[in-house]
Amino acid sequence: MLCVSDENSFVLTVFGIQKEAMKQGDQVTLLDPICKFVDFEWEGKHYQFKSVRVNLLEQVLVNGNALSPNFAMHESLQ
């Protein structure tokens, strides 16, 4: 769970980064995020949500610092 500066909270799901890279209380900054509004129907249900994504480890700062390549889980994030 994250909280932006205006105190709105949201969930950030992180894939491809080791759990030790972030801990409770850290400030996470996403550089050049890809923001999309997703709207679709599937099996008779309607889904709508906002999606924010970054594709590179270098686009994630924790407490103002770039993450070490050692925190990447697999090659696509290095």
PDB file of N, CA and C in Angstrom:
ATOM      1  N   MET A   1       0.848  -1.178   0.000  1.00  0.00           N
ATOM      2  CA  MET A   1       0.000   0.000   0.000  1.00  0.00           C
ATOM      3  C   MET A   1       0.887   1.233   0.000  1.00  0.00           C
ATOM      4  N   LEU A   2       0.595   2.155  -0.888  1.00  0.00           N
ATOM      5  CA  LEU A   2       1.349   3.398  -0.970  1.00  0.00           C
ATOM      6  C   LEU A   2       0.426   4.573  -0.723  1.00  0.00           C
ATOM      7  N   CYS A   3       0.996   5.683  -0.345  1.00  0.00           N
ATOM      8  CA  CYS A   3       0.253   6.915  -0.122  1.00  0.00           C
ATOM      9  C   CYS A   3       0.971   8.027  -0.878  1.00  0.00           C
ATOM     10  N   VAL A   4       0.256   8.723  -1.765  1.00  0.00           N
ATOM     11  CA  VAL A   4       0.861   9.829  -2.491  1.00  0.00           C
ATOM     12  C   VAL A   4       0.849  11.076  -1.621  1.00  0.00           C
ATOM     13  N   SER A   5       1.507  12.135  -2.078  1.00  0.00           N
ATOM     14  CA  SER A   5       1.692  13.324  -1.246  1.00  0.00           C
ATOM     15  C   SER A   5       0.385  13.959  -0.778  1.00  0.00           C
ATOM     16  N   ASP A   6      -0.713  13.793  -1.526  1.00  0.00           N
ATOM     17  CA  ASP A   6      -1.984  14.356  -1.068  1.00  0.00           C
ATOM     18  C   ASP A   6      -2.752  13.365  -0.189  1.00  0.00           C
ATOM     19  N   GLU A   7      -2.066  12.317   0.259  1.00  0.00           N
ATOM     20  CA  GLU A   7      -2.560  11.310   1.195  1.00  0.00           C
ATOM     21  C   GLU A   7      -3.590  10.359   0.597  1.00  0.00           C
ATOM     22  N   ASN A   8      -3.716  10.299  -0.726  1.00  0.00           N
ATOM     23  CA  ASN A   8      -4.524   9.261  -1.358  1.00  0.00           C
ATOM     24  C   ASN A   8      -3.715   7.977  -1.374  1.00  0.00           C
ATOM     25  N   SER A   9      -4.343   6.888  -1.012  1.00  0.00           N
ATOM     26  CA  SER A   9      -3.635   5.609  -0.945  1.00  0.00           C
ATOM     27  C   SER A   9      -4.005   4.720  -2.117  1.00  0.00           C
ATOM     28  N   PHE A  10      -3.077   3.880  -2.515  1.00  0.00           N
ATOM     29  CA  PHE A  10      -3.344   2.894  -3.547  1.00  0.00           C
ATOM     30  C   PHE A  10      -2.379   1.732  -3.378  1.00  0.00           C
ATOM     31  N   VAL A  11      -2.678   0.655  -4.066  1.00  0.00           N
ATOM     32  CA  VAL A  11      -1.857  -0.544  -4.000  1.00  0.00           C
ATOM     33  C   VAL A  11      -0.869  -0.528  -5.156  1.00  0.00           C
ATOM     34  N   LEU A  12       0.380  -0.827  -4.872  1.00  0.00           N
ATOM     35  CA  LEU A  12       1.403  -0.966  -5.901  1.00  0.00           C
ATOM     36  C   LEU A  12       1.866  -2.412  -5.883  1.00  0.00           C
ATOM     37  N   THR A  13       1.659  -3.104  -6.992  1.00  0.00           N
ATOM     38  CA  THR A  13       2.133  -4.469  -7.125  1.00  0.00           C
ATOM     39  C   THR A  13       3.461  -4.426  -7.853  1.00  0.00           C
ATOM     40  N   VAL A  14       4.448  -5.063  -7.286  1.00  0.00           N
ATOM     41  CA  VAL A  14       5.793  -5.021  -7.843  1.00  0.00           C
ATOM     42  C   VAL A  14       6.185  -6.419  -8.302  1.00  0.00           C
ATOM     43  N   PHE A  15       6.597  -6.507  -9.557  1.00  0.00           N
ATOM     44  CA  PHE A  15       7.073  -7.768 -10.129  1.00  0.00           C
ATOM     45  C   PHE A  15       8.525  -7.585 -10.545  1.00  0.00           C
ATOM     46  N   GLY A  16       9.333  -8.591 -10.349  1.00  0.00           N
ATOM     47  CA  GLY A  16      10.694  -8.582 -10.865  1.00  0.00           C
ATOM     48  C   GLY A  16      11.715  -7.896  -9.998  1.00  0.00           C
ATOM     49  N   ILE A  17      11.319  -7.447  -8.814  1.00  0.00           N
ATOM     50  CA  ILE A  17      12.247  -6.810  -7.889  1.00  0.00           C
ATOM     51  C   ILE A  17      12.209  -7.581  -6.578  1.00  0.00           C
ATOM     52  N   GLN A  18      13.371  -7.917  -6.044  1.00  0.00           N
ATOM     53  CA  GLN A  18      13.429  -8.674  -4.797  1.00  0.00           C
ATOM     54  C   GLN A  18      12.765  -7.906  -3.663  1.00  0.00           C
ATOM     55  N   LYS A  19      12.125  -8.649  -2.759  1.00  0.00           N
ATOM     56  CA  LYS A  19      11.356  -8.020  -1.681  1.00  0.00           C
ATOM     57  C   LYS A  19      12.218  -7.156  -0.763  1.00  0.00           C
ATOM     58  N   GLU A  20      13.513  -7.418  -0.705  1.00  0.00           N
ATOM     59  CA  GLU A  20      14.411  -6.636   0.150  1.00  0.00           C
ATOM     60  C   GLU A  20      14.652  -5.225  -0.389  1.00  0.00           C
ATOM     61  N   ALA A  21      14.256  -4.970  -1.635  1.00  0.00           N
ATOM     62  CA  ALA A  21      14.508  -3.672  -2.264  1.00  0.00           C
ATOM     63  C   ALA A  21      13.670  -2.557  -1.635  1.00  0.00           C
ATOM     64  N   MET A  22      12.496  -2.900  -1.085  1.00  0.00           N
ATOM     65  CA  MET A  22      11.599  -1.905  -0.494  1.00  0.00           C
ATOM     66  C   MET A  22      11.087  -2.414   0.839  1.00  0.00           C
ATOM     67  N   LYS A  23      10.896  -1.474   1.756  1.00  0.00           N
ATOM     68  CA  LYS A  23      10.331  -1.846   3.051  1.00  0.00           C
ATOM     69  C   LYS A  23       9.339  -0.780   3.499  1.00  0.00           C
ATOM     70  N   GLN A  24       8.597  -1.093   4.513  1.00  0.00           N
ATOM     71  CA  GLN A  24       7.584  -0.174   5.029  1.00  0.00           C
ATOM     72  C   GLN A  24       8.229   1.168   5.358  1.00  0.00           C
ATOM     73  N   GLY A  25       7.586   2.235   4.922  1.00  0.00           N
ATOM     74  CA  GLY A  25       8.069   3.581   5.205  1.00  0.00           C
ATOM     75  C   GLY A  25       8.955   4.164   4.118  1.00  0.00           C
ATOM     76  N   ASP A  26       9.365   3.355   3.139  1.00  0.00           N
ATOM     77  CA  ASP A  26      10.200   3.856   2.053  1.00  0.00           C
ATOM     78  C   ASP A  26       9.400   4.764   1.129  1.00  0.00           C
ATOM     79  N   GLN A  27      10.090   5.734   0.523  1.00  0.00           N
ATOM     80  CA  GLN A  27       9.488   6.582  -0.495  1.00  0.00           C
ATOM     81  C   GLN A  27       9.840   5.979  -1.849  1.00  0.00           C
ATOM     82  N   VAL A  28       8.823   5.635  -2.643  1.00  0.00           N
ATOM     83  CA  VAL A  28       9.017   5.022  -3.952  1.00  0.00           C
ATOM     84  C   VAL A  28       8.625   6.039  -5.020  1.00  0.00           C
ATOM     85  N   THR A  29       9.531   6.279  -5.969  1.00  0.00           N
ATOM     86  CA  THR A  29       9.286   7.198  -7.071  1.00  0.00           C
ATOM     87  C   THR A  29       9.381   6.424  -8.372  1.00  0.00           C
ATOM     88  N   LEU A  30       8.365   6.575  -9.230  1.00  0.00           N
ATOM     89  CA  LEU A  30       8.365   5.929 -10.543  1.00  0.00           C
ATOM     90  C   LEU A  30       8.685   6.994 -11.588  1.00  0.00           C
ATOM     91  N   LEU A  31       9.756   6.794 -12.332  1.00  0.00           N
ATOM     92  CA  LEU A  31      10.178   7.743 -13.358  1.00  0.00           C
ATOM     93  C   LEU A  31       9.572   7.345 -14.702  1.00  0.00           C
ATOM     94  N   ASP A  32       8.974   8.293 -15.376  1.00  0.00           N
ATOM     95  CA  ASP A  32       8.400   8.058 -16.695  1.00  0.00           C
ATOM     96  C   ASP A  32       7.400   6.901 -16.718  1.00  0.00           C
ATOM     97  N   PRO A  33       6.435   6.889 -15.796  1.00  0.00           N
ATOM     98  CA  PRO A  33       5.491   5.766 -15.775  1.00  0.00           C
ATOM     99  C   PRO A  33       4.549   5.783 -16.975  1.00  0.00           C
ATOM    100  N   ILE A  34       4.091   4.596 -17.341  1.00  0.00           N
ATOM    101  CA  ILE A  34       3.088   4.436 -18.388  1.00  0.00           C
ATOM    102  C   ILE A  34       1.743   4.339 -17.666  1.00  0.00           C
ATOM    103  N   CYS A  35       0.855   5.292 -17.904  1.00  0.00           N
ATOM    104  CA  CYS A  35      -0.444   5.330 -17.230  1.00  0.00           C
ATOM    105  C   CYS A  35      -1.542   5.008 -18.245  1.00  0.00           C
ATOM    106  N   LYS A  36      -2.399   4.055 -17.880  1.00  0.00           N
ATOM    107  CA  LYS A  36      -3.488   3.637 -18.770  1.00  0.00           C
ATOM    108  C   LYS A  36      -4.767   3.485 -17.957  1.00  0.00           C
ATOM    109  N   PHE A  37      -5.904   3.719 -18.633  1.00  0.00           N
ATOM    110  CA  PHE A  37      -7.195   3.411 -18.050  1.00  0.00           C
ATOM    111  C   PHE A  37      -7.684   2.148 -18.738  1.00  0.00           C
ATOM    112  N   VAL A  38      -7.925   1.117 -17.970  1.00  0.00           N
ATOM    113  CA  VAL A  38      -8.337  -0.178 -18.513  1.00  0.00           C
ATOM    114  C   VAL A  38      -9.843  -0.319 -18.327  1.00  0.00           C
ATOM    115  N   ASP A  39     -10.534  -0.696 -19.401  1.00  0.00           N
ATOM    116  CA  ASP A  39     -11.988  -0.823 -19.379  1.00  0.00           C
ATOM    117  C   ASP A  39     -12.348  -2.007 -20.281  1.00  0.00           C
ATOM    118  N   PHE A  40     -12.843  -3.106 -19.676  1.00  0.00           N
ATOM    119  CA  PHE A  40     -13.176  -4.281 -20.478  1.00  0.00           C
ATOM    120  C   PHE A  40     -14.244  -5.123 -19.791  1.00  0.00           C
ATOM    121  N   GLU A  41     -14.832  -6.015 -20.571  1.00  0.00           N
ATOM    122  CA  GLU A  41     -15.790  -6.981 -20.047  1.00  0.00           C
ATOM    123  C   GLU A  41     -15.226  -8.379 -20.244  1.00  0.00           C
ATOM    124  N   TRP A  42     -15.488  -9.234 -19.254  1.00  0.00           N
ATOM    125  CA  TRP A  42     -15.029 -10.612 -19.337  1.00  0.00           C
ATOM    126  C   TRP A  42     -15.989 -11.500 -18.554  1.00  0.00           C
ATOM    127  N   GLU A  43     -16.466 -12.527 -19.199  1.00  0.00           N
ATOM    128  CA  GLU A  43     -17.428 -13.462 -18.611  1.00  0.00           C
ATOM    129  C   GLU A  43     -18.605 -12.741 -17.958  1.00  0.00           C
ATOM    130  N   GLY A  44     -19.121 -11.753 -18.682  1.00  0.00           N
ATOM    131  CA  GLY A  44     -20.311 -11.049 -18.234  1.00  0.00           C
ATOM    132  C   GLY A  44     -20.084 -10.000 -17.160  1.00  0.00           C
ATOM    133  N   LYS A  45     -18.841  -9.749 -16.777  1.00  0.00           N
ATOM    134  CA  LYS A  45     -18.544  -8.727 -15.765  1.00  0.00           C
ATOM    135  C   LYS A  45     -17.771  -7.587 -16.410  1.00  0.00           C
ATOM    136  N   HIS A  46     -18.033  -6.377 -15.925  1.00  0.00           N
ATOM    137  CA  HIS A  46     -17.394  -5.172 -16.443  1.00  0.00           C
ATOM    138  C   HIS A  46     -16.301  -4.734 -15.466  1.00  0.00           C
ATOM    139  N   TYR A  47     -15.107  -4.499 -15.986  1.00  0.00           N
ATOM    140  CA  TYR A  47     -13.966  -4.098 -15.162  1.00  0.00           C
ATOM    141  C   TYR A  47     -13.427  -2.756 -15.648  1.00  0.00           C
ATOM    142  N   GLN A  48     -13.116  -1.872 -14.705  1.00  0.00           N
ATOM    143  CA  GLN A  48     -12.497  -0.582 -14.994  1.00  0.00           C
ATOM    144  C   GLN A  48     -11.472  -0.306 -13.904  1.00  0.00           C
ATOM    145  N   PHE A  49     -10.271   0.070 -14.309  1.00  0.00           N
ATOM    146  CA  PHE A  49      -9.255   0.452 -13.325  1.00  0.00           C
ATOM    147  C   PHE A  49      -8.139   1.228 -14.010  1.00  0.00           C
ATOM    148  N   LYS A  50      -7.371   1.951 -13.218  1.00  0.00           N
ATOM    149  CA  LYS A  50      -6.202   2.674 -13.706  1.00  0.00           C
ATOM    150  C   LYS A  50      -4.985   1.793 -13.497  1.00  0.00           C
ATOM    151  N   SER A  51      -4.088   1.823 -14.457  1.00  0.00           N
ATOM    152  CA  SER A  51      -2.877   1.024 -14.404  1.00  0.00           C
ATOM    153  C   SER A  51      -1.669   1.934 -14.574  1.00  0.00           C
ATOM    154  N   VAL A  52      -0.670   1.750 -13.725  1.00  0.00           N
ATOM    155  CA  VAL A  52       0.589   2.490 -13.814  1.00  0.00           C
ATOM    156  C   VAL A  52       1.691   1.457 -13.893  1.00  0.00           C
ATOM    157  N   ARG A  53       2.603   1.645 -14.847  1.00  0.00           N
ATOM    158  CA  ARG A  53       3.629   0.637 -15.072  1.00  0.00           C
ATOM    159  C   ARG A  53       4.949   1.296 -15.444  1.00  0.00           C
ATOM    160  N   VAL A  54       6.034   0.682 -15.011  1.00  0.00           N
ATOM    161  CA  VAL A  54       7.363   0.995 -15.525  1.00  0.00           C
ATOM    162  C   VAL A  54       7.977  -0.326 -15.983  1.00  0.00           C
ATOM    163  N   ASN A  55       8.842  -0.267 -16.963  1.00  0.00           N
ATOM    164  CA  ASN A  55       9.404  -1.482 -17.528  1.00  0.00           C
ATOM    165  C   ASN A  55      10.850  -1.747 -17.137  1.00  0.00           C
ATOM    166  N   LEU A  56      11.518  -0.766 -16.574  1.00  0.00           N
ATOM    167  CA  LEU A  56      12.942  -0.905 -16.287  1.00  0.00           C
ATOM    168  C   LEU A  56      13.234  -0.656 -14.814  1.00  0.00           C
ATOM    169  N   LEU A  57      14.164  -1.395 -14.282  1.00  0.00           N
ATOM    170  CA  LEU A  57      14.592  -1.220 -12.895  1.00  0.00           C
ATOM    171  C   LEU A  57      15.052   0.219 -12.651  1.00  0.00           C
ATOM    172  N   GLU A  58      15.675   0.825 -13.668  1.00  0.00           N
ATOM    173  CA  GLU A  58      16.193   2.189 -13.540  1.00  0.00           C
ATOM    174  C   GLU A  58      15.082   3.229 -13.390  1.00  0.00           C
ATOM    175  N   GLN A  59      13.840   2.835 -13.637  1.00  0.00           N
ATOM    176  CA  GLN A  59      12.718   3.760 -13.514  1.00  0.00           C
ATOM    177  C   GLN A  59      12.104   3.755 -12.118  1.00  0.00           C
ATOM    178  N   VAL A  60      12.719   3.024 -11.188  1.00  0.00           N
ATOM    179  CA  VAL A  60      12.224   2.951  -9.817  1.00  0.00           C
ATOM    180  C   VAL A  60      13.287   3.516  -8.879  1.00  0.00           C
ATOM    181  N   LEU A  61      12.912   4.546  -8.121  1.00  0.00           N
ATOM    182  CA  LEU A  61      13.790   5.089  -7.086  1.00  0.00           C
ATOM    183  C   LEU A  61      13.189   4.747  -5.733  1.00  0.00           C
ATOM    184  N   VAL A  62      14.019   4.332  -4.802  1.00  0.00           N
ATOM    185  CA  VAL A  62      13.579   4.072  -3.436  1.00  0.00           C
ATOM    186  C   VAL A  62      14.347   5.028  -2.537  1.00  0.00           C
ATOM    187  N   ASN A  63      13.593   5.875  -1.836  1.00  0.00           N
ATOM    188  CA  ASN A  63      14.185   6.913  -0.989  1.00  0.00           C
ATOM    189  C   ASN A  63      15.139   7.790  -1.782  1.00  0.00           C
ATOM    190  N   GLY A  64      14.786   8.068  -3.053  1.00  0.00           N
ATOM    191  CA  GLY A  64      15.566   8.956  -3.903  1.00  0.00           C
ATOM    192  C   GLY A  64      16.767   8.312  -4.568  1.00  0.00           C
ATOM    193  N   ASN A  65      16.988   7.027  -4.323  1.00  0.00           N
ATOM    194  CA  ASN A  65      18.150   6.336  -4.879  1.00  0.00           C
ATOM    195  C   ASN A  65      17.735   5.272  -5.880  1.00  0.00           C
ATOM    196  N   ALA A  66      18.557   5.115  -6.930  1.00  0.00           N
ATOM    197  CA  ALA A  66      18.320   4.054  -7.902  1.00  0.00           C
ATOM    198  C   ALA A  66      18.560   2.704  -7.237  1.00  0.00           C
ATOM    199  N   LEU A  67      17.811   1.707  -7.676  1.00  0.00           N
ATOM    200  CA  LEU A  67      18.001   0.360  -7.149  1.00  0.00           C
ATOM    201  C   LEU A  67      19.211  -0.288  -7.795  1.00  0.00           C
ATOM    202  N   SER A  68      19.936  -1.045  -7.035  1.00  0.00           N
ATOM    203  CA  SER A  68      21.074  -1.800  -7.547  1.00  0.00           C
ATOM    204  C   SER A  68      20.574  -2.895  -8.487  1.00  0.00           C
ATOM    205  N   PRO A  69      21.308  -3.191  -9.544  1.00  0.00           N
ATOM    206  CA  PRO A  69      20.919  -4.296 -10.433  1.00  0.00           C
ATOM    207  C   PRO A  69      20.800  -5.630  -9.693  1.00  0.00           C
ATOM    208  N   ASN A  70      21.413  -5.737  -8.522  1.00  0.00           N
ATOM    209  CA  ASN A  70      21.321  -6.962  -7.723  1.00  0.00           C
ATOM    210  C   ASN A  70      19.901  -7.234  -7.241  1.00  0.00           C
ATOM    211  N   PHE A  71      19.037  -6.211  -7.237  1.00  0.00           N
ATOM    212  CA  PHE A  71      17.652  -6.391  -6.787  1.00  0.00           C
ATOM    213  C   PHE A  71      16.745  -6.922  -7.886  1.00  0.00           C
ATOM    214  N   ALA A  72      17.220  -6.972  -9.130  1.00  0.00           N
ATOM    215  CA  ALA A  72      16.401  -7.482 -10.225  1.00  0.00           C
ATOM    216  C   ALA A  72      16.244  -8.987 -10.093  1.00  0.00           C
ATOM    217  N   MET A  73      15.024  -9.484 -10.367  1.00  0.00           N
ATOM    218  CA  MET A  73      14.741 -10.912 -10.276  1.00  0.00           C
ATOM    219  C   MET A  73      15.136 -11.657 -11.546  1.00  0.00           C
ATOM    220  N   HIS A  74      15.074 -10.972 -12.706  1.00  0.00           N
ATOM    221  CA  HIS A  74      15.437 -11.621 -13.961  1.00  0.00           C
ATOM    222  C   HIS A  74      15.940 -10.597 -14.944  1.00  0.00           C
ATOM    223  N   GLU A  75      16.524 -11.066 -16.005  1.00  0.00           N
ATOM    224  CA  GLU A  75      17.243 -10.238 -16.970  1.00  0.00           C
ATOM    225  C   GLU A  75      16.451  -9.075 -17.540  1.00  0.00           C
ATOM    226  N   SER A  76      15.136  -9.223 -17.731  1.00  0.00           N
ATOM    227  CA  SER A  76      14.366  -8.185 -18.424  1.00  0.00           C
ATOM    228  C   SER A  76      14.316  -6.874 -17.649  1.00  0.00           C
ATOM    229  N   LEU A  77      14.654  -6.882 -16.360  1.00  0.00           N
ATOM    230  CA  LEU A  77      14.619  -5.654 -15.571  1.00  0.00           C
ATOM    231  C   LEU A  77      16.009  -5.064 -15.337  1.00  0.00           C
ATOM    232  N   GLN A  78      17.042  -5.605 -15.928  1.00  0.00           N
ATOM    233  CA  GLN A  78      18.386  -5.061 -15.712  1.00  0.00           C
ATOM    234  C   GLN A  78      18.785  -4.113 -16.802  1.00  0.00           C
TER     235      GLN A  78
END
